[in-house]
Amino acid sequence: MSHELTEPVHWQGRQWAVTGYGIEALDGMYHVPFSDIPDGRPQWLDDLCRRYGTDRDDLAAALRVAYSIQAETPNGPAKSAA
């Protein structure tokens, strides 16, 4: 199964990427828009790691990158029209 990531791709790990949309699974099975990424550690992070069998370190790295993008962009990251 292939999945085109939302441009721009800010960071790409083994299973996850940070894109213009937010955090996306490379296989296209899960995505989290920037608007759903709260300050602090979100509950869905642990839930997703258990249910999805994801690489916890890779998803945590994606979350850190997403936080840094949110911090750099006063009004939030630009949304793609995809």
C-alpha atoms as a PDB file:
ATOM      1  CA  MET A   1       0.000   0.000   0.000  1.00  0.00           C
ATOM      2  CA  SER A   2       1.490   3.308  -1.002  1.00  0.00           C
ATOM      3  CA  HIS A   3       0.555   6.667   0.404  1.00  0.00           C
ATOM      4  CA  GLU A   4       1.517  10.096  -0.821  1.00  0.00           C
ATOM      5  CA  LEU A   5       2.431  12.361   2.046  1.00  0.00           C
ATOM      6  CA  THR A   6       1.014  15.873   2.272  1.00  0.00           C
ATOM      7  CA  GLU A   7       3.546  18.423   1.101  1.00  0.00           C
ATOM      8  CA  PRO A   8       5.722  19.837   2.418  1.00  0.00           C
ATOM      9  CA  VAL A   9       7.397  16.912   4.172  1.00  0.00           C
ATOM     10  CA  HIS A  10       9.323  18.473   7.069  1.00  0.00           C
ATOM     11  CA  TRP A  11      10.739  15.220   8.477  1.00  0.00           C
ATOM     12  CA  GLN A  12      10.470  11.526   7.656  1.00  0.00           C
ATOM     13  CA  GLY A  13      11.352   8.654   9.947  1.00  0.00           C
ATOM     14  CA  ARG A  14      11.042   4.883   9.639  1.00  0.00           C
ATOM     15  CA  GLN A  15       7.241   4.749  10.061  1.00  0.00           C
ATOM     16  CA  TRP A  16       6.123   8.352  10.545  1.00  0.00           C
ATOM     17  CA  ALA A  17       6.503  11.746   8.894  1.00  0.00           C
ATOM     18  CA  VAL A  18       5.747  15.341   9.793  1.00  0.00           C
ATOM     19  CA  THR A  19       4.071  17.071   6.867  1.00  0.00           C
ATOM     20  CA  GLY A  20       2.080  20.159   6.040  1.00  0.00           C
ATOM     21  CA  TYR A  21      -0.937  18.311   7.452  1.00  0.00           C
ATOM     22  CA  GLY A  22       0.583  17.133  10.731  1.00  0.00           C
ATOM     23  CA  ILE A  23       1.902  13.681  11.671  1.00  0.00           C
ATOM     24  CA  GLU A  24       1.263  10.947   9.101  1.00  0.00           C
ATOM     25  CA  ALA A  25       2.003   7.222   9.093  1.00  0.00           C
ATOM     26  CA  LEU A  26       4.070   6.349   6.034  1.00  0.00           C
ATOM     27  CA  ASP A  27       1.673   3.515   5.191  1.00  0.00           C
ATOM     28  CA  GLY A  28      -1.281   5.938   5.122  1.00  0.00           C
ATOM     29  CA  MET A  29      -3.144   4.142   7.904  1.00  0.00           C
ATOM     30  CA  TYR A  30      -3.085   6.926  10.491  1.00  0.00           C
ATOM     31  CA  HIS A  31      -2.682  10.694  10.558  1.00  0.00           C
ATOM     32  CA  VAL A  32      -2.964  13.439  13.150  1.00  0.00           C
ATOM     33  CA  PRO A  33      -3.637  17.013  11.995  1.00  0.00           C
ATOM     34  CA  PHE A  34      -1.630  19.808  13.598  1.00  0.00           C
ATOM     35  CA  SER A  35      -4.841  21.046  15.235  1.00  0.00           C
ATOM     36  CA  ASP A  36      -5.064  17.759  17.214  1.00  0.00           C
ATOM     37  CA  ILE A  37      -1.503  17.930  18.542  1.00  0.00           C
ATOM     38  CA  PRO A  38      -1.840  19.399  22.054  1.00  0.00           C
ATOM     39  CA  ASP A  39       0.852  20.869  24.265  1.00  0.00           C
ATOM     40  CA  GLY A  40       2.467  18.219  26.414  1.00  0.00           C
ATOM     41  CA  ARG A  41       2.232  14.458  26.028  1.00  0.00           C
ATOM     42  CA  PRO A  42      -1.032  13.499  24.331  1.00  0.00           C
ATOM     43  CA  GLN A  43      -2.929  10.434  25.571  1.00  0.00           C
ATOM     44  CA  TRP A  44      -3.320   9.178  22.014  1.00  0.00           C
ATOM     45  CA  LEU A  45       0.453   8.689  21.801  1.00  0.00           C
ATOM     46  CA  ASP A  46       0.412   5.755  24.244  1.00  0.00           C
ATOM     47  CA  ASP A  47      -2.882   4.442  22.856  1.00  0.00           C
ATOM     48  CA  LEU A  48      -1.529   4.529  19.322  1.00  0.00           C
ATOM     49  CA  CYS A  49       1.682   2.762  20.295  1.00  0.00           C
ATOM     50  CA  ARG A  50      -0.290  -0.106  21.860  1.00  0.00           C
ATOM     51  CA  ARG A  51      -2.955  -0.459  19.153  1.00  0.00           C
ATOM     52  CA  TYR A  52      -0.956   0.258  16.047  1.00  0.00           C
ATOM     53  CA  GLY A  53       2.245  -1.555  16.971  1.00  0.00           C
ATOM     54  CA  THR A  54       4.217   1.509  16.011  1.00  0.00           C
ATOM     55  CA  ASP A  55       7.833   2.302  16.664  1.00  0.00           C
ATOM     56  CA  ARG A  56       7.457   4.396  19.819  1.00  0.00           C
ATOM     57  CA  ASP A  57      10.773   6.218  19.343  1.00  0.00           C
ATOM     58  CA  ASP A  58       9.957   7.136  15.745  1.00  0.00           C
ATOM     59  CA  LEU A  59       6.518   8.500  16.673  1.00  0.00           C
ATOM     60  CA  ALA A  60       7.989  10.424  19.629  1.00  0.00           C
ATOM     61  CA  ALA A  61      10.573  11.961  17.274  1.00  0.00           C
ATOM     62  CA  ALA A  62       7.786  12.977  14.877  1.00  0.00           C
ATOM     63  CA  LEU A  63       5.913  14.585  17.761  1.00  0.00           C
ATOM     64  CA  ARG A  64       9.027  16.562  18.785  1.00  0.00           C
ATOM     65  CA  VAL A  65       9.451  17.816  15.216  1.00  0.00           C
ATOM     66  CA  ALA A  66       5.768  18.765  15.054  1.00  0.00           C
ATOM     67  CA  TYR A  67       6.102  20.708  18.322  1.00  0.00           C
ATOM     68  CA  SER A  68       9.141  22.573  16.966  1.00  0.00           C
ATOM     69  CA  ILE A  69       7.239  23.502  13.800  1.00  0.00           C
ATOM     70  CA  GLN A  70       4.283  24.722  15.860  1.00  0.00           C
ATOM     71  CA  ALA A  71       6.655  26.815  18.018  1.00  0.00           C
ATOM     72  CA  GLU A  72       8.290  28.398  14.952  1.00  0.00           C
ATOM     73  CA  THR A  73       4.978  29.311  13.323  1.00  0.00           C
ATOM     74  CA  PRO A  74       2.952  31.866  15.331  1.00  0.00           C
ATOM     75  CA  ASN A  75      -0.407  31.046  13.702  1.00  0.00           C
ATOM     76  CA  GLY A  76       0.257  27.347  13.233  1.00  0.00           C
ATOM     77  CA  PRO A  77       1.744  25.596  10.220  1.00  0.00           C
ATOM     78  CA  ALA A  78       0.426  26.384   6.781  1.00  0.00           C
ATOM     79  CA  LYS A  79      -2.181  23.915   5.624  1.00  0.00           C
ATOM     80  CA  SER A  80      -1.841  22.240   2.272  1.00  0.00           C
ATOM     81  CA  ALA A  81      -4.773  22.284  -0.110  1.00  0.00           C
ATOM     82  CA  ALA A  82      -4.386  18.527  -0.684  1.00  0.00           C
END
